[in-house]
């Protein structure tokens, strides 16, 4: 992303400042300089320049001057949109990890060769959890770890999984039994759940 912004804004320091603040919402000069491995003086000058132009605002916190985007600037939304677009283009370029060929059987209704882990993560997780073999589920657990898998199941309230699958994951991932029961009750209350 920084290289794309560099092409637009003309320097690594300006691109780095914008990318850092877009990702973390706030930052101070030495922190940004360390993060993007650019000379501190160049970052300080860039922060002062952006603040002078009204794109950033700063305040003193302890012994540090902390910078954030100026949400009142007339071009704020466009600037954030540009940074996000640069990030999404970079993500698409990296969208290259194909799924193991043994998973093809689980995605019979998709163009399997076009699926990637980065681009189709939600679909892959849901399909492997609901229809995957033990080997596929083991691959998924290695890929994201049990902590992330637990967060995902809780965020999605176990949608798509059978009661048996939910009970299994509640034991393996220590999801409270009452939480799983509540998911099932809410599912039964939906019109399709009553059929």
Protein backbone atom coordinates (compact mmCIF):
# COMPACT_ATOMS: atom_id res chain seq x y z
CA UNK A 1 0.00 0.00 0.00
CA UNK A 2 2.80 2.44 0.87
CA UNK A 3 4.33 2.06 -2.59
CA UNK A 4 0.98 2.92 -4.23
CA UNK A 5 0.56 5.99 -2.00
CA UNK A 6 4.20 6.90 -2.62
CA UNK A 7 3.44 7.15 -6.33
CA UNK A 8 0.55 9.54 -5.58
CA UNK A 9 2.04 11.68 -2.81
CA UNK A 10 5.65 11.70 -3.99
CA UNK A 11 7.55 10.46 -0.93
CA UNK A 12 7.83 7.41 1.29
CA UNK A 13 7.43 9.59 4.38
CA UNK A 14 4.12 11.09 3.23
CA UNK A 15 2.79 7.68 2.17
CA UNK A 16 3.98 6.10 5.42
CA UNK A 17 2.35 8.76 7.59
CA UNK A 18 -1.00 8.38 5.83
CA UNK A 19 -0.90 4.57 5.82
CA UNK A 20 0.01 4.43 9.52
CA UNK A 21 -2.68 6.87 10.62
CA UNK A 22 -5.30 5.14 8.47
CA UNK A 23 -4.46 1.82 10.13
CA UNK A 24 -4.02 3.00 13.74
CA UNK A 25 -6.05 6.27 13.81
CA UNK A 26 -3.35 8.07 15.84
CA UNK A 27 0.40 8.16 16.15
CA UNK A 28 3.49 10.16 17.02
CA UNK A 29 6.56 10.81 14.92
CA UNK A 30 9.08 8.35 16.39
CA UNK A 31 6.49 5.55 16.41
CA UNK A 32 5.66 6.11 12.73
CA UNK A 33 9.34 6.40 11.80
CA UNK A 34 10.11 3.04 13.47
CA UNK A 35 7.11 1.37 11.88
CA UNK A 36 7.95 2.32 8.30
CA UNK A 37 11.74 2.49 8.81
CA UNK A 38 12.15 6.09 7.65
CA UNK A 39 14.29 8.87 9.14
CA UNK A 40 12.57 10.57 12.09
CA UNK A 41 13.29 14.08 10.78
CA UNK A 42 11.52 13.28 7.47
CA UNK A 43 8.46 12.00 9.35
CA UNK A 44 8.36 15.05 11.62
CA UNK A 45 8.51 17.37 8.61
CA UNK A 46 5.75 15.43 6.86
CA UNK A 47 3.49 15.51 9.92
CA UNK A 48 4.02 19.26 10.28
CA UNK A 49 3.28 19.74 6.57
CA UNK A 50 0.03 17.73 6.70
CA UNK A 51 -1.01 19.58 9.85
CA UNK A 52 -0.21 22.93 8.22
CA UNK A 53 -2.40 21.95 5.26
CA UNK A 54 -5.22 20.98 7.63
CA UNK A 55 -5.28 17.23 6.89
CA UNK A 56 -4.04 16.38 10.40
CA UNK A 57 -4.51 17.79 13.88
CA UNK A 58 -2.25 17.21 16.88
CA UNK A 59 -2.22 17.53 20.63
CA UNK A 60 0.36 17.01 23.36
CA UNK A 61 -0.03 13.84 25.42
CA UNK A 62 2.62 13.66 28.11
CA UNK A 63 5.89 14.34 26.29
CA UNK A 64 4.65 13.34 22.85
CA UNK A 65 2.77 15.18 20.11
CA UNK A 66 0.07 12.81 18.88
CA UNK A 67 -1.40 13.23 15.38
CA UNK A 68 -4.80 12.20 14.04
CA UNK A 69 -6.76 12.91 10.86
CA UNK A 70 -8.73 16.15 10.86
CA UNK A 71 -12.26 14.84 10.31
CA UNK A 72 -13.45 18.42 9.69
CA UNK A 73 -11.27 18.85 6.59
CA UNK A 74 -13.43 19.05 3.43
CA UNK A 75 -11.35 16.32 1.72
CA UNK A 76 -11.14 13.98 4.74
CA UNK A 77 -13.55 11.36 3.37
CA UNK A 78 -11.92 11.38 -0.05
CA UNK A 79 -8.44 11.02 1.47
CA UNK A 80 -9.50 8.05 3.62
CA UNK A 81 -11.25 6.51 0.63
CA UNK A 82 -8.07 6.83 -1.45
CA UNK A 83 -5.96 5.18 1.26
CA UNK A 84 -8.47 2.33 1.67
CA UNK A 85 -8.62 1.82 -2.09
CA UNK A 86 -4.82 1.56 -2.24
CA UNK A 87 -4.95 -1.03 0.56
CA UNK A 88 -7.66 -3.07 -1.16
CA UNK A 89 -5.71 -3.12 -4.44
CA UNK A 90 -2.65 -4.40 -2.59
CA UNK A 91 -4.78 -7.12 -0.93
CA UNK A 92 -6.11 -8.23 -4.32
CA UNK A 93 -2.56 -8.48 -5.66
CA UNK A 94 -1.66 -10.76 -2.76
CA UNK A 95 -4.79 -12.89 -3.28
CA UNK A 96 -2.78 -15.88 -4.38
CA UNK A 97 -2.96 -18.77 -1.90
CA UNK A 98 -4.97 -21.52 -3.59
CA UNK A 99 -6.89 -24.03 -1.52
CA UNK A 100 -5.63 -27.63 -1.29
CA UNK A 101 -6.96 -29.72 -4.19
CA UNK A 102 -8.46 -32.20 -1.72
CA UNK A 103 -11.01 -29.47 -0.76
CA UNK A 104 -12.52 -29.42 -4.27
CA UNK A 105 -15.26 -31.85 -3.22
CA UNK A 106 -16.50 -29.39 -0.55
CA UNK A 107 -16.97 -26.57 -3.09
CA UNK A 108 -18.90 -28.43 -5.79
CA UNK A 109 -21.04 -25.37 -6.49
CA UNK A 110 -18.15 -22.91 -7.02
CA UNK A 111 -15.35 -22.45 -9.56
CA UNK A 112 -12.86 -24.10 -7.24
CA UNK A 113 -9.71 -22.97 -9.08
CA UNK A 114 -10.73 -19.33 -8.58
CA UNK A 115 -11.11 -19.64 -4.80
CA UNK A 116 -8.30 -18.45 -2.53
CA UNK A 117 -7.88 -18.31 1.21
CA UNK A 118 -7.34 -14.52 1.25
CA UNK A 119 -10.21 -13.65 -1.06
CA UNK A 120 -12.80 -16.16 0.12
CA UNK A 121 -12.00 -16.66 3.79
CA UNK A 122 -15.59 -16.40 5.05
CA UNK A 123 -16.90 -18.90 2.53
CA UNK A 124 -14.01 -21.30 3.11
CA UNK A 125 -14.39 -21.24 6.88
CA UNK A 126 -18.14 -21.77 6.78
CA UNK A 127 -17.97 -24.56 4.21
CA UNK A 128 -15.15 -26.45 5.91
CA UNK A 129 -16.88 -26.26 9.27
CA UNK A 130 -20.21 -27.44 7.91
CA UNK A 131 -19.17 -29.94 5.21
CA UNK A 132 -15.43 -30.45 5.61
CA UNK A 133 -13.64 -33.67 6.51
CA UNK A 134 -11.64 -34.00 9.71
CA UNK A 135 -8.48 -33.32 7.67
CA UNK A 136 -10.01 -30.12 6.27
CA UNK A 137 -11.06 -28.91 9.72
CA UNK A 138 -7.58 -29.71 11.06
CA UNK A 139 -6.09 -27.63 8.20
CA UNK A 140 -8.40 -24.75 9.15
CA UNK A 141 -7.43 -24.93 12.82
CA UNK A 142 -3.74 -24.84 11.90
CA UNK A 143 -4.37 -21.93 9.52
CA UNK A 144 -6.11 -19.58 11.97
CA UNK A 145 -5.73 -21.14 15.43
CA UNK A 146 -8.43 -22.08 17.90
CA UNK A 147 -8.67 -18.59 19.39
CA UNK A 148 -9.59 -17.04 16.00
CA UNK A 149 -11.93 -19.92 15.23
CA UNK A 150 -13.73 -19.37 18.54
CA UNK A 151 -14.10 -15.63 17.82
CA UNK A 152 -15.47 -16.40 14.37
CA UNK A 153 -18.05 -18.89 15.66
CA UNK A 154 -19.20 -16.48 18.36
CA UNK A 155 -19.40 -13.55 15.93
CA UNK A 156 -21.50 -15.66 13.51
CA UNK A 157 -23.48 -17.34 16.30
CA UNK A 158 -22.70 -20.72 14.80
CA UNK A 159 -24.90 -20.11 11.74
CA UNK A 160 -24.94 -23.00 9.31
CA UNK A 161 -23.65 -25.56 11.79
CA UNK A 162 -25.82 -28.42 13.02
CA UNK A 163 -26.60 -28.82 16.71
CA UNK A 164 -24.16 -31.74 16.86
CA UNK A 165 -21.39 -29.64 15.27
CA UNK A 166 -22.12 -26.74 17.62
CA UNK A 167 -21.99 -28.99 20.68
CA UNK A 168 -18.66 -30.40 19.50
CA UNK A 169 -17.12 -26.96 19.03
CA UNK A 170 -18.54 -25.72 22.32
CA UNK A 171 -16.54 -28.50 24.03
CA UNK A 172 -13.35 -28.09 21.97
CA UNK A 173 -13.27 -24.28 22.08
CA UNK A 174 -14.86 -23.78 25.52
CA UNK A 175 -17.89 -21.88 24.22
CA UNK A 176 -20.46 -21.78 27.05
CA UNK A 177 -23.23 -24.33 26.59
CA UNK A 178 -25.94 -21.75 27.36
CA UNK A 179 -24.61 -19.57 24.55
CA UNK A 180 -24.91 -22.40 22.04
CA UNK A 181 -28.42 -23.19 23.35
CA UNK A 182 -29.41 -19.55 22.87
CA UNK A 183 -28.18 -19.66 19.25
CA UNK A 184 -30.28 -22.75 18.60
CA UNK A 185 -33.39 -21.21 20.20
CA UNK A 186 -33.08 -18.03 18.14
CA UNK A 187 -32.65 -20.15 15.01
CA UNK A 188 -35.83 -22.09 15.77
CA UNK A 189 -37.70 -18.81 16.21
CA UNK A 190 -36.88 -17.81 12.62
CA UNK A 191 -39.50 -18.77 9.96
CA UNK A 192 -37.12 -21.16 8.15
CA UNK A 193 -36.11 -22.71 11.47
CA UNK A 194 -39.69 -23.86 12.11
CA UNK A 195 -39.92 -25.99 8.98
